[in-house]
Amino acid sequence: MRCCNLSSSQLATIRKTSEPICGQHSVGNGTSGSDPLISPEQSGQLYELIEQTGTDVAKMLEYFKISKIEEMTTGMYGRAARALNANK
């Protein structure tokens, strides 16, 4: 079962990043204590990408172990944006 409806190629792209995306695919979920939260502009960009790709928001939130997009860190944002852009 895939998280966030990510394809195998998207997961491969995410795995190439310096930090793991979640505990299901590696250790941790990218929630390092020093990583700042995303800006309102970044959350808006993610919402647009989520809509464009038909991604299940609830699954994405569960995947990153957060309760809303605005709780995403900048590290999570980079991985999520790459995966969503790959799904366009």
Foldseek 3Di string as FASTA:
>chain_A
DDFQPFDPVLLVVLVPDPDHCDVVSPPHRPPDPVFAFDDPVLLVVLVVLCVVLVTDQVRLCVSSVHDGNRRHGPVNSVSSVSRSVVRD
